[in-house]
């Protein structure tokens, strides 16, 4: 079995598109996936953190997640801690509309 080379911070990697699940097709319409453009993979920069707002699905309802752009992950370049305002969920807990948290901007984390 081939071992993976450790990925360094700042390095670009390709991962499977979260929004379409790697099919390249929009799961909600007869069209290419809006997140990956039909390529099945997306390029992201390390280090990665699961998107708190969409919980890694890349979707917000039938649309791509506005926080991660449908990738399911976000790049975090500094040390972070869970957002004290939303508890790390990325959503404004006081809003019935499920808006993104105004403190962490939907990321679920804030710099230490």
N, C-alpha and C. Protein backbone atom coordinates (compact mmCIF):
# COMPACT_ATOMS: atom_id res chain seq x y z
N UNK A 1 0.83 -1.17 0.00
CA UNK A 1 0.00 0.00 0.00
C UNK A 1 0.88 1.24 0.00
N UNK A 2 0.54 2.20 -0.83
CA UNK A 2 1.33 3.42 -0.96
C UNK A 2 1.03 4.39 0.18
N UNK A 3 2.07 4.90 0.83
CA UNK A 3 1.89 5.86 1.91
C UNK A 3 1.73 7.26 1.34
N UNK A 4 0.86 8.05 1.97
CA UNK A 4 0.68 9.42 1.53
C UNK A 4 1.76 10.30 2.14
N UNK A 5 2.23 11.26 1.35
CA UNK A 5 3.19 12.22 1.84
C UNK A 5 2.45 13.25 2.68
N UNK A 6 2.97 13.61 3.86
CA UNK A 6 2.29 14.61 4.68
C UNK A 6 2.13 15.92 3.92
N UNK A 7 0.99 16.54 4.08
CA UNK A 7 0.68 17.80 3.41
C UNK A 7 1.12 18.94 4.31
N UNK A 8 1.74 19.95 3.70
CA UNK A 8 2.24 21.10 4.44
C UNK A 8 1.23 22.23 4.41
N UNK A 9 1.24 23.06 5.45
CA UNK A 9 0.36 24.23 5.51
C UNK A 9 0.62 25.11 4.29
N UNK A 10 -0.44 25.60 3.69
CA UNK A 10 -0.32 26.45 2.51
C UNK A 10 -0.32 25.69 1.20
N UNK A 11 -0.15 24.38 1.27
CA UNK A 11 -0.11 23.57 0.05
C UNK A 11 -1.53 23.36 -0.49
N UNK A 12 -1.68 23.40 -1.81
CA UNK A 12 -2.97 23.17 -2.45
C UNK A 12 -3.14 21.68 -2.69
N UNK A 13 -4.32 21.17 -2.38
CA UNK A 13 -4.64 19.76 -2.59
C UNK A 13 -6.01 19.67 -3.28
N UNK A 14 -6.26 18.53 -3.90
CA UNK A 14 -7.55 18.27 -4.50
C UNK A 14 -8.30 17.29 -3.63
N UNK A 15 -9.57 17.60 -3.38
CA UNK A 15 -10.43 16.70 -2.61
C UNK A 15 -11.73 16.50 -3.38
N UNK A 16 -12.45 15.47 -3.03
CA UNK A 16 -13.73 15.21 -3.66
C UNK A 16 -14.69 16.34 -3.32
N UNK A 17 -15.45 16.77 -4.29
CA UNK A 17 -16.44 17.83 -4.11
C UNK A 17 -17.52 17.36 -3.13
N UNK A 18 -17.77 18.13 -2.09
CA UNK A 18 -18.77 17.77 -1.10
C UNK A 18 -20.19 17.98 -1.62
N UNK A 19 -20.40 19.03 -2.39
CA UNK A 19 -21.76 19.36 -2.84
C UNK A 19 -22.36 18.26 -3.71
N UNK A 20 -21.59 17.76 -4.66
CA UNK A 20 -22.11 16.72 -5.57
C UNK A 20 -21.68 15.31 -5.16
N UNK A 21 -20.85 15.21 -4.13
CA UNK A 21 -20.38 13.89 -3.70
C UNK A 21 -19.44 13.24 -4.69
N UNK A 22 -18.83 14.08 -5.53
CA UNK A 22 -17.86 13.56 -6.49
C UNK A 22 -18.47 13.07 -7.80
N UNK A 23 -19.76 13.35 -8.03
CA UNK A 23 -20.39 12.91 -9.28
C UNK A 23 -20.19 13.91 -10.41
N UNK A 24 -19.94 15.17 -10.06
CA UNK A 24 -19.80 16.21 -11.07
C UNK A 24 -21.13 16.79 -11.53
N UNK A 25 -22.22 16.27 -10.96
CA UNK A 25 -23.57 16.71 -11.35
C UNK A 25 -24.27 17.38 -10.18
N UNK A 26 -25.03 18.40 -10.47
CA UNK A 26 -25.81 19.08 -9.45
C UNK A 26 -26.86 18.09 -8.93
N UNK A 27 -26.87 17.81 -7.63
CA UNK A 27 -27.82 16.83 -7.10
C UNK A 27 -29.27 17.33 -7.12
N UNK A 28 -29.48 18.61 -7.39
CA UNK A 28 -30.81 19.19 -7.36
C UNK A 28 -31.31 19.65 -8.72
N UNK A 29 -30.51 19.51 -9.76
CA UNK A 29 -30.90 19.94 -11.10
C UNK A 29 -30.13 19.15 -12.15
N UNK A 30 -30.62 19.16 -13.36
CA UNK A 30 -29.94 18.47 -14.46
C UNK A 30 -28.88 19.39 -15.06
N UNK A 31 -27.79 19.54 -14.34
CA UNK A 31 -26.71 20.44 -14.77
C UNK A 31 -25.41 20.02 -14.09
N UNK A 32 -24.33 20.66 -14.51
CA UNK A 32 -23.04 20.44 -13.85
C UNK A 32 -23.10 20.95 -12.42
N UNK A 33 -22.29 20.37 -11.58
CA UNK A 33 -22.20 20.82 -10.19
C UNK A 33 -21.67 22.25 -10.15
N UNK A 34 -22.34 23.15 -9.44
CA UNK A 34 -21.88 24.53 -9.38
C UNK A 34 -20.62 24.72 -8.53
N UNK A 35 -20.32 23.76 -7.68
CA UNK A 35 -19.13 23.89 -6.83
C UNK A 35 -17.86 23.45 -7.54
N UNK A 36 -17.92 22.35 -8.27
CA UNK A 36 -16.72 21.83 -8.93
C UNK A 36 -16.73 22.01 -10.44
N UNK A 37 -17.82 22.52 -10.97
CA UNK A 37 -17.92 22.71 -12.41
C UNK A 37 -17.93 21.42 -13.20
N UNK A 38 -18.32 20.32 -12.55
CA UNK A 38 -18.36 19.02 -13.22
C UNK A 38 -17.06 18.24 -13.15
N UNK A 39 -16.05 18.79 -12.49
CA UNK A 39 -14.74 18.14 -12.43
C UNK A 39 -14.64 17.07 -11.34
N UNK A 40 -15.64 16.97 -10.47
CA UNK A 40 -15.71 15.99 -9.39
C UNK A 40 -14.81 16.28 -8.21
N UNK A 41 -13.81 17.13 -8.41
CA UNK A 41 -12.89 17.49 -7.33
C UNK A 41 -12.75 19.00 -7.24
N UNK A 42 -12.34 19.47 -6.07
CA UNK A 42 -12.10 20.90 -5.87
C UNK A 42 -10.70 21.08 -5.28
N UNK A 43 -10.09 22.21 -5.60
CA UNK A 43 -8.77 22.53 -5.04
C UNK A 43 -8.96 23.38 -3.80
N UNK A 44 -8.29 23.00 -2.73
CA UNK A 44 -8.35 23.72 -1.46
C UNK A 44 -6.95 23.85 -0.89
N UNK A 45 -6.79 24.83 -0.04
CA UNK A 45 -5.48 25.07 0.55
C UNK A 45 -5.45 24.57 1.98
N UNK A 46 -4.43 23.81 2.31
CA UNK A 46 -4.23 23.30 3.67
C UNK A 46 -3.83 24.44 4.60
N UNK A 47 -4.09 24.34 5.88
CA UNK A 47 -4.81 23.29 6.61
C UNK A 47 -6.32 23.47 6.50
N UNK A 48 -7.01 22.35 6.52
CA UNK A 48 -8.45 22.34 6.32
C UNK A 48 -9.20 22.07 7.60
N UNK A 49 -10.42 22.59 7.63
CA UNK A 49 -11.31 22.36 8.76
C UNK A 49 -12.70 22.12 8.16
N UNK A 50 -13.41 21.14 8.69
CA UNK A 50 -14.76 20.87 8.23
C UNK A 50 -15.61 22.13 8.38
N UNK A 51 -16.38 22.46 7.37
CA UNK A 51 -17.23 23.65 7.42
C UNK A 51 -18.32 23.44 8.47
N UNK A 52 -18.35 24.30 9.46
CA UNK A 52 -19.33 24.18 10.54
C UNK A 52 -20.73 24.54 10.06
N UNK A 53 -20.83 25.51 9.18
CA UNK A 53 -22.14 26.00 8.75
C UNK A 53 -22.95 24.92 8.03
N UNK A 54 -22.33 24.20 7.10
CA UNK A 54 -23.04 23.14 6.35
C UNK A 54 -22.73 21.75 6.88
N UNK A 55 -21.90 21.68 7.90
CA UNK A 55 -21.47 20.41 8.51
C UNK A 55 -20.77 19.49 7.51
N UNK A 56 -20.06 20.12 6.56
CA UNK A 56 -19.26 19.36 5.61
C UNK A 56 -20.02 18.85 4.40
N UNK A 57 -21.30 19.18 4.27
CA UNK A 57 -22.09 18.69 3.13
C UNK A 57 -21.87 19.54 1.88
N UNK A 58 -21.44 20.77 2.06
CA UNK A 58 -21.27 21.68 0.93
C UNK A 58 -22.57 22.33 0.49
N UNK A 59 -23.67 21.98 1.16
CA UNK A 59 -24.98 22.48 0.76
C UNK A 59 -25.65 23.28 1.86
N UNK A 60 -26.44 24.24 1.43
CA UNK A 60 -27.31 25.00 2.32
C UNK A 60 -28.68 24.94 1.65
N UNK A 61 -29.46 23.96 2.05
CA UNK A 61 -30.71 23.68 1.34
C UNK A 61 -30.36 23.07 -0.01
N UNK A 62 -30.85 23.69 -1.08
CA UNK A 62 -30.57 23.20 -2.43
C UNK A 62 -29.49 24.02 -3.12
N UNK A 63 -28.85 24.90 -2.39
CA UNK A 63 -27.80 25.78 -2.92
C UNK A 63 -26.45 25.38 -2.33
N UNK A 64 -25.36 25.85 -2.96
CA UNK A 64 -24.05 25.61 -2.38
C UNK A 64 -23.91 26.44 -1.11
N UNK A 65 -23.19 25.94 -0.16
CA UNK A 65 -22.95 26.64 1.10
C UNK A 65 -22.22 27.95 0.81
N UNK A 66 -22.72 29.03 1.38
CA UNK A 66 -22.10 30.34 1.15
C UNK A 66 -20.80 30.52 1.92
N UNK A 67 -20.54 29.68 2.89
CA UNK A 67 -19.32 29.79 3.69
C UNK A 67 -18.16 29.06 3.01
N UNK A 68 -18.37 27.83 2.59
CA UNK A 68 -17.29 27.03 1.99
C UNK A 68 -17.37 26.95 0.47
N UNK A 69 -18.41 27.50 -0.11
CA UNK A 69 -18.56 27.47 -1.56
C UNK A 69 -18.89 26.09 -2.11
N UNK A 70 -19.41 25.21 -1.26
CA UNK A 70 -19.76 23.86 -1.69
C UNK A 70 -18.65 22.85 -1.50
N UNK A 71 -17.52 23.28 -1.00
CA UNK A 71 -16.37 22.37 -0.84
C UNK A 71 -16.49 21.48 0.39
N UNK A 72 -17.23 21.93 1.39
CA UNK A 72 -17.39 21.15 2.62
C UNK A 72 -16.31 21.41 3.65
N UNK A 73 -15.27 22.14 3.26
CA UNK A 73 -14.17 22.47 4.15
C UNK A 73 -13.79 23.94 3.97
N UNK A 74 -13.12 24.47 4.98
CA UNK A 74 -12.58 25.82 4.90
C UNK A 74 -11.10 25.77 5.25
N UNK A 75 -10.35 26.74 4.77
CA UNK A 75 -8.93 26.85 5.10
C UNK A 75 -8.79 27.73 6.32
N UNK A 76 -8.02 27.26 7.29
CA UNK A 76 -7.79 28.02 8.52
C UNK A 76 -6.29 28.14 8.69
N UNK A 77 -5.77 29.36 8.58
CA UNK A 77 -4.32 29.55 8.59
C UNK A 77 -3.74 29.87 9.96
N UNK A 78 -4.60 30.16 10.93
CA UNK A 78 -4.09 30.48 12.26
C UNK A 78 -4.68 29.49 13.28
N UNK A 79 -4.18 29.52 14.48
CA UNK A 79 -4.74 28.67 15.52
C UNK A 79 -6.10 29.21 15.90
N UNK A 80 -7.05 28.30 16.06
CA UNK A 80 -8.42 28.71 16.32
C UNK A 80 -9.00 27.97 17.52
N UNK A 81 -10.12 28.52 17.96
CA UNK A 81 -10.89 27.90 19.02
C UNK A 81 -12.37 27.99 18.63
N UNK A 82 -13.23 27.17 19.21
CA UNK A 82 -14.65 27.27 18.87
C UNK A 82 -15.19 28.68 19.17
N UNK A 83 -16.07 29.13 18.32
CA UNK A 83 -16.66 30.46 18.47
C UNK A 83 -17.51 30.49 19.74
N UNK A 84 -17.27 31.46 20.63
CA UNK A 84 -18.05 31.53 21.86
C UNK A 84 -19.50 31.95 21.62
N UNK A 85 -19.77 32.63 20.53
CA UNK A 85 -21.13 33.12 20.25
C UNK A 85 -22.06 32.02 19.75
N UNK A 86 -21.55 31.13 18.92
CA UNK A 86 -22.41 30.08 18.33
C UNK A 86 -22.06 28.69 18.84
N UNK A 87 -21.04 28.58 19.67
CA UNK A 87 -20.65 27.27 20.17
C UNK A 87 -19.99 26.38 19.13
N UNK A 88 -19.51 27.00 18.04
CA UNK A 88 -18.83 26.24 17.01
C UNK A 88 -19.72 25.72 15.91
N UNK A 89 -21.01 26.10 15.91
CA UNK A 89 -21.95 25.61 14.90
C UNK A 89 -22.00 26.48 13.65
N UNK A 90 -21.47 27.70 13.72
CA UNK A 90 -21.44 28.58 12.55
C UNK A 90 -22.74 29.29 12.25
N UNK A 91 -23.75 29.05 13.04
CA UNK A 91 -25.07 29.67 12.81
C UNK A 91 -25.43 30.60 13.96
N UNK A 92 -26.14 31.65 13.64
CA UNK A 92 -26.61 32.62 14.64
C UNK A 92 -27.72 31.95 15.44
N UNK A 93 -27.43 31.61 16.68
CA UNK A 93 -28.39 30.87 17.50
C UNK A 93 -29.63 31.70 17.85
N UNK A 94 -29.55 33.01 17.74
CA UNK A 94 -30.70 33.86 18.06
C UNK A 94 -31.61 34.07 16.84
N UNK A 95 -31.23 33.57 15.69
CA UNK A 95 -31.99 33.80 14.45
C UNK A 95 -32.78 32.56 14.05
N UNK A 96 -34.09 32.70 13.88
CA UNK A 96 -34.87 31.55 13.39
C UNK A 96 -34.62 31.28 11.91
N UNK A 97 -33.93 32.19 11.22
CA UNK A 97 -33.67 32.03 9.79
C UNK A 97 -32.41 31.23 9.48
N UNK A 98 -31.72 30.76 10.51
CA UNK A 98 -30.48 29.99 10.36
C UNK A 98 -29.41 30.77 9.60
N UNK A 99 -29.26 32.03 9.95
CA UNK A 99 -28.23 32.87 9.35
C UNK A 99 -26.87 32.49 9.89
N UNK A 100 -25.80 32.90 9.20
CA UNK A 100 -24.46 32.62 9.69
C UNK A 100 -24.17 33.47 10.92
N UNK A 101 -23.34 32.96 11.79
CA UNK A 101 -22.97 33.66 13.03
C UNK A 101 -22.22 34.94 12.68
N UNK A 102 -22.62 36.07 13.25
CA UNK A 102 -21.94 37.33 12.93
C UNK A 102 -20.54 37.44 13.53
N UNK A 103 -20.23 36.64 14.52
CA UNK A 103 -18.92 36.69 15.16
C UNK A 103 -17.87 35.92 14.35
N UNK A 104 -18.17 34.69 13.99
CA UNK A 104 -17.21 33.84 13.25
C UNK A 104 -17.48 33.81 11.75
N UNK A 105 -18.52 34.49 11.31
CA UNK A 105 -18.91 34.54 9.90
C UNK A 105 -19.22 33.16 9.33
N UNK A 106 -19.78 32.30 10.16
CA UNK A 106 -20.19 30.97 9.72
C UNK A 106 -19.14 29.89 9.81
N UNK A 107 -17.92 30.26 10.16
CA UNK A 107 -16.83 29.27 10.20
C UNK A 107 -16.87 28.37 11.43
N UNK A 108 -17.50 28.84 12.49
CA UNK A 108 -17.58 28.06 13.73
C UNK A 108 -16.35 28.20 14.61
N UNK A 109 -15.34 28.91 14.13
CA UNK A 109 -14.10 29.11 14.89
C UNK A 109 -13.66 30.56 14.81
N UNK A 110 -12.91 30.96 15.82
CA UNK A 110 -12.31 32.29 15.86
C UNK A 110 -10.84 32.14 16.23
N UNK A 111 -10.00 33.08 15.81
CA UNK A 111 -8.57 33.00 16.17
C UNK A 111 -8.35 33.03 17.67
N UNK A 112 -7.33 32.34 18.12
CA UNK A 112 -6.98 32.34 19.55
C UNK A 112 -6.27 33.63 19.88
